[in-house]
Amino acid sequence: MGLRERKKLATRRSLQRAAVRLVLERGLDQVTVDDIAAEVGVSTRTFFNYFGSKDEALIGDGPPRASDEGRAVFIAGGPTGDPIADLRAYLGSFLDDAPEGYRSTMADLRMRKCLVHREPSLMPLMMARFAEAEQAITADMAARLGTGPDDLRPRLGALLASTLMRFTMQRLHGGEADGLPAEPDAPPTAEERAALEDSFDETFEALRAFFTGAAEDSPAARPGGTA
């Protein structure tokens, strides 16, 4: 990503976070586009270069998406040819390749969870964002299987993928408070990266054990998913 693209992404992120922060502080009806732009130090015209409305800025871009490279590998039947291992790699690329970074992505998702709890009128828009992401996964599943997106298998695969991602993130971050942590744009620490990898590994180990009937005393099958 070039310098210009990084600056545009930073401005977009700043406007989104300012919108969420102000609405959490004041309430949805007490915040205007002018307020959001002023908070970031840009013009209202600049705001509308990025978003069509206040609600669009509040809802954000939805869940992370796989990179073009990650999609291409998965669609081609890789990286291993094993469906469970390949699904794990595919979902892992969602966070590895997020342009704003793993920590930032998770922080934004947690902020919006708090937002829709405070402002339930935004829930339909948020659900539409997640539906768009699930449709994109369905298309990738269909391309890998060589079927149309209306085939039942890609749709079930996308539902499984979305559930696995959500389950993994809930296990990893379930005990954290909503809101924006310190230094959300900093790269994940080695400990955070290891925790993410462990959470994915345990989730997919349990998934494989479920389908293969592996021993119930495997680490992933135990309460908490640890050895």
Protein backbone atom coordinates (compact mmCIF):
# COMPACT_ATOMS: atom_id res chain seq x y z
CA MET A 1 0.00 0.00 0.00
CA GLY A 2 1.42 3.36 -1.05
CA LEU A 3 1.73 6.46 1.12
CA ARG A 4 -1.33 8.13 -0.40
CA GLU A 5 -3.48 5.05 0.18
CA ARG A 6 -2.26 4.79 3.78
CA LYS A 7 -3.15 8.44 4.42
CA LYS A 8 -6.62 7.96 2.96
CA LEU A 9 -7.15 4.85 5.06
CA ALA A 10 -5.98 6.72 8.18
CA THR A 11 -8.45 9.55 7.50
CA ARG A 12 -11.26 7.07 6.91
CA ARG A 13 -10.47 5.26 10.15
CA SER A 14 -10.27 8.55 12.08
CA LEU A 15 -13.69 9.64 10.82
CA GLN A 16 -15.24 6.28 11.66
CA ARG A 17 -13.83 6.24 15.16
CA ALA A 18 -14.77 9.86 15.80
CA ALA A 19 -18.33 9.11 14.71
CA VAL A 20 -18.61 6.11 17.03
CA ARG A 21 -16.94 7.89 19.94
CA LEU A 22 -19.18 10.96 19.68
CA VAL A 23 -22.37 8.90 19.40
CA LEU A 24 -21.37 6.81 22.41
CA GLU A 25 -20.79 10.04 24.35
CA ARG A 26 -23.81 12.07 23.19
CA GLY A 27 -26.33 9.78 21.57
CA LEU A 28 -27.16 9.19 17.91
CA ASP A 29 -29.50 12.15 17.44
CA GLN A 30 -27.11 14.60 19.08
CA VAL A 31 -24.24 14.11 16.61
CA THR A 32 -24.06 15.63 13.13
CA VAL A 33 -21.72 15.15 10.19
CA ASP A 34 -20.30 18.60 10.96
CA ASP A 35 -19.48 17.41 14.50
CA ILE A 36 -17.65 14.36 13.19
CA ALA A 37 -15.65 16.32 10.62
CA ALA A 38 -14.70 18.96 13.19
CA GLU A 39 -13.56 16.27 15.63
CA VAL A 40 -11.06 14.99 13.04
CA GLY A 41 -10.12 18.45 11.75
CA VAL A 42 -11.40 18.05 8.20
CA SER A 43 -14.16 19.70 6.20
CA THR A 44 -17.67 18.35 5.78
CA ARG A 45 -16.88 17.98 2.09
CA THR A 46 -13.96 15.71 2.98
CA PHE A 47 -16.29 13.61 5.13
CA PHE A 48 -18.59 13.07 2.15
CA ASN A 49 -15.61 12.03 0.03
CA TYR A 50 -15.45 8.96 2.27
CA PHE A 51 -19.03 8.34 3.40
CA GLY A 52 -22.49 8.97 2.07
CA SER A 53 -24.04 9.53 5.49
CA LYS A 54 -23.43 9.60 9.23
CA ASP A 55 -24.82 6.08 9.56
CA GLU A 56 -22.40 4.76 6.95
CA ALA A 57 -19.46 6.08 8.95
CA LEU A 58 -20.88 4.62 12.14
CA ILE A 59 -21.40 1.12 10.74
CA GLY A 60 -17.95 0.98 9.19
CA ASP A 61 -16.68 -1.54 6.69
CA GLY A 62 -17.93 -4.67 8.40
CA PRO A 63 -15.91 -7.78 9.18
CA PRO A 64 -12.45 -8.15 7.62
CA ARG A 65 -12.22 -9.81 4.20
CA ALA A 66 -9.68 -12.21 2.76
CA SER A 67 -6.96 -10.74 0.57
CA ASP A 68 -6.89 -11.37 -3.18
CA GLU A 69 -3.95 -13.73 -2.65
CA GLY A 70 -5.67 -15.64 0.15
CA ARG A 71 -8.83 -15.97 -1.94
CA ALA A 72 -6.92 -17.17 -4.99
CA VAL A 73 -5.11 -19.88 -3.03
CA PHE A 74 -8.33 -21.10 -1.42
CA ILE A 75 -10.34 -21.06 -4.65
CA ALA A 76 -7.59 -23.04 -6.41
CA GLY A 77 -7.95 -25.81 -3.81
CA GLY A 78 -5.04 -24.83 -1.59
CA PRO A 79 -2.98 -24.47 0.34
CA THR A 80 -3.12 -28.16 1.35
CA GLY A 81 -6.13 -29.72 -0.32
CA ASP A 82 -7.57 -30.64 3.08
CA PRO A 83 -10.88 -28.76 3.49
CA ILE A 84 -10.55 -28.09 7.22
CA ALA A 85 -6.90 -27.01 7.05
CA ASP A 86 -7.61 -24.83 4.02
CA LEU A 87 -10.59 -23.18 5.72
CA ARG A 88 -8.38 -22.42 8.70
CA ALA A 89 -5.78 -20.78 6.43
CA TYR A 90 -8.49 -18.88 4.56
CA LEU A 91 -10.00 -17.42 7.72
CA GLY A 92 -6.57 -16.70 9.19
CA SER A 93 -5.78 -14.55 6.16
CA PHE A 94 -8.73 -12.29 7.02
CA LEU A 95 -6.79 -10.86 9.96
CA ASP A 96 -3.27 -11.34 8.59
CA ASP A 97 -4.11 -9.24 5.54
CA ALA A 98 -6.37 -6.61 7.12
CA PRO A 99 -4.85 -3.33 5.87
CA GLU A 100 -5.60 -1.53 9.11
CA GLY A 101 -4.04 -4.29 11.19
CA TYR A 102 -5.35 -7.06 13.41
CA ARG A 103 -5.50 -5.05 16.64
CA SER A 104 -7.27 -2.15 14.95
CA THR A 105 -9.81 -4.45 13.30
CA MET A 106 -10.70 -6.15 16.56
CA ALA A 107 -10.90 -2.83 18.40
CA ASP A 108 -13.29 -1.42 15.80
CA LEU A 109 -15.52 -4.48 15.91
CA ARG A 110 -15.73 -4.27 19.70
CA MET A 111 -16.58 -0.56 19.55
CA ARG A 112 -19.42 -1.24 17.14
CA LYS A 113 -20.73 -4.04 19.31
CA CYS A 114 -21.05 -1.45 22.07
CA LEU A 115 -22.55 1.05 19.61
CA VAL A 116 -25.42 -1.15 18.43
CA HIS A 117 -26.12 -2.09 22.04
CA ARG A 118 -26.55 1.61 22.84
CA GLU A 119 -28.28 2.48 19.55
CA PRO A 120 -30.32 -0.57 18.45
CA SER A 121 -31.75 1.33 15.47
CA LEU A 122 -28.37 0.76 13.79
CA MET A 123 -28.63 -3.03 14.07
CA PRO A 124 -30.24 -3.61 10.62
CA LEU A 125 -27.42 -1.71 8.93
CA MET A 126 -24.82 -3.65 10.89
CA MET A 127 -26.44 -6.96 10.00
CA ALA A 128 -26.46 -5.94 6.34
CA ARG A 129 -22.68 -5.41 6.51
CA PHE A 130 -22.20 -8.89 7.93
CA ALA A 131 -24.53 -10.34 5.28
CA GLU A 132 -22.37 -8.76 2.57
CA ALA A 133 -19.28 -10.38 4.07
CA GLU A 134 -21.02 -13.76 4.22
CA GLN A 135 -22.07 -13.42 0.59
CA ALA A 136 -18.44 -12.81 -0.38
CA ILE A 137 -17.41 -15.99 1.45
CA THR A 138 -20.23 -17.88 -0.28
CA ALA A 139 -18.89 -16.77 -3.65
CA ASP A 140 -15.39 -18.01 -2.75
CA MET A 141 -16.79 -21.34 -1.56
CA ALA A 142 -18.76 -21.71 -4.79
CA ALA A 143 -15.69 -20.90 -6.88
CA ARG A 144 -13.65 -23.54 -5.04
CA LEU A 145 -16.38 -26.17 -5.49
CA GLY A 146 -17.16 -25.15 -9.05
CA THR A 147 -20.82 -24.50 -8.32
CA GLY A 148 -23.14 -21.52 -8.36
CA PRO A 149 -23.53 -19.38 -5.22
CA ASP A 150 -27.13 -20.62 -4.86
CA ASP A 151 -25.93 -24.20 -4.34
CA LEU A 152 -26.55 -25.33 -0.76
CA ARG A 153 -22.94 -26.38 -0.07
CA PRO A 154 -21.27 -22.97 -0.55
CA ARG A 155 -23.96 -21.32 1.54
CA LEU A 156 -23.50 -23.81 4.36
CA GLY A 157 -19.72 -23.46 4.07
CA ALA A 158 -19.97 -19.69 4.38
CA LEU A 159 -22.24 -20.01 7.41
CA LEU A 160 -19.75 -22.40 9.01
CA ALA A 161 -16.83 -20.09 8.23
CA SER A 162 -18.59 -17.06 9.72
CA THR A 163 -19.52 -19.01 12.83
CA LEU A 164 -15.98 -20.32 13.29
CA MET A 165 -14.51 -16.83 12.95
CA ARG A 166 -16.97 -15.39 15.46
CA PHE A 167 -16.45 -18.29 17.88
CA THR A 168 -12.67 -17.94 17.70
CA MET A 169 -12.80 -14.20 18.35
CA GLN A 170 -15.25 -14.61 21.22
CA ARG A 171 -12.96 -17.14 22.90
CA LEU A 172 -9.97 -14.87 22.41
CA HIS A 173 -11.59 -11.56 23.41
CA GLY A 174 -14.66 -12.59 25.38
CA GLY A 175 -13.27 -11.26 28.65
CA GLU A 176 -12.22 -7.87 27.32
CA ALA A 177 -14.22 -4.70 27.82
CA ASP A 178 -15.84 -3.02 24.84
CA GLY A 179 -14.14 0.06 23.52
CA LEU A 180 -10.88 1.11 21.98
CA PRO A 181 -7.72 -0.19 23.70
CA ALA A 182 -4.47 1.72 23.95
CA GLU A 183 -2.53 1.94 20.67
CA PRO A 184 -5.13 0.16 18.51
CA ASP A 185 -3.12 0.77 15.33
CA ALA A 186 0.07 -0.79 16.69
CA PRO A 187 1.04 -4.17 15.20
CA PRO A 188 -0.02 -7.13 17.34
CA THR A 189 2.55 -8.17 19.89
CA ALA A 190 4.17 -11.59 19.76
CA GLU A 191 1.93 -12.66 22.62
CA GLU A 192 -1.22 -11.45 20.82
CA ARG A 193 -0.17 -13.19 17.62
CA ALA A 194 0.52 -16.43 19.50
CA ALA A 195 -2.84 -16.21 21.28
CA LEU A 196 -4.62 -15.71 17.96
CA GLU A 197 -2.85 -18.68 16.37
CA ASP A 198 -3.59 -20.86 19.40
CA SER A 199 -7.25 -19.86 19.36
CA PHE A 200 -7.59 -20.74 15.67
CA ASP A 201 -5.68 -24.01 16.13
CA GLU A 202 -7.85 -25.10 19.06
CA THR A 203 -11.07 -24.21 17.25
CA PHE A 204 -10.15 -26.15 14.14
CA GLU A 205 -8.74 -29.08 16.11
CA ALA A 206 -12.10 -29.33 17.86
CA LEU A 207 -13.90 -29.06 14.51
CA ARG A 208 -11.83 -31.88 13.04
CA ALA A 209 -12.36 -33.98 16.17
CA PHE A 210 -16.10 -33.46 15.86
CA PHE A 211 -16.20 -34.69 12.27
CA THR A 212 -13.72 -37.55 12.70
CA GLY A 213 -14.85 -38.76 16.12
CA ALA A 214 -11.44 -38.16 17.69
CA ALA A 215 -10.90 -38.92 21.37
CA GLU A 216 -12.94 -36.74 23.68
CA ASP A 217 -9.95 -36.10 25.91
CA SER A 218 -8.04 -34.20 23.21
CA PRO A 219 -6.92 -30.72 24.39
CA ALA A 220 -9.37 -28.93 22.10
CA ALA A 221 -12.29 -30.97 23.41
CA ARG A 222 -11.71 -30.06 27.05
CA PRO A 223 -13.48 -27.13 28.75
CA GLY A 224 -11.66 -23.94 27.78
CA GLY A 225 -9.92 -25.68 24.91
CA THR A 226 -6.54 -26.08 26.62
CA ALA A 227 -4.40 -28.99 27.60
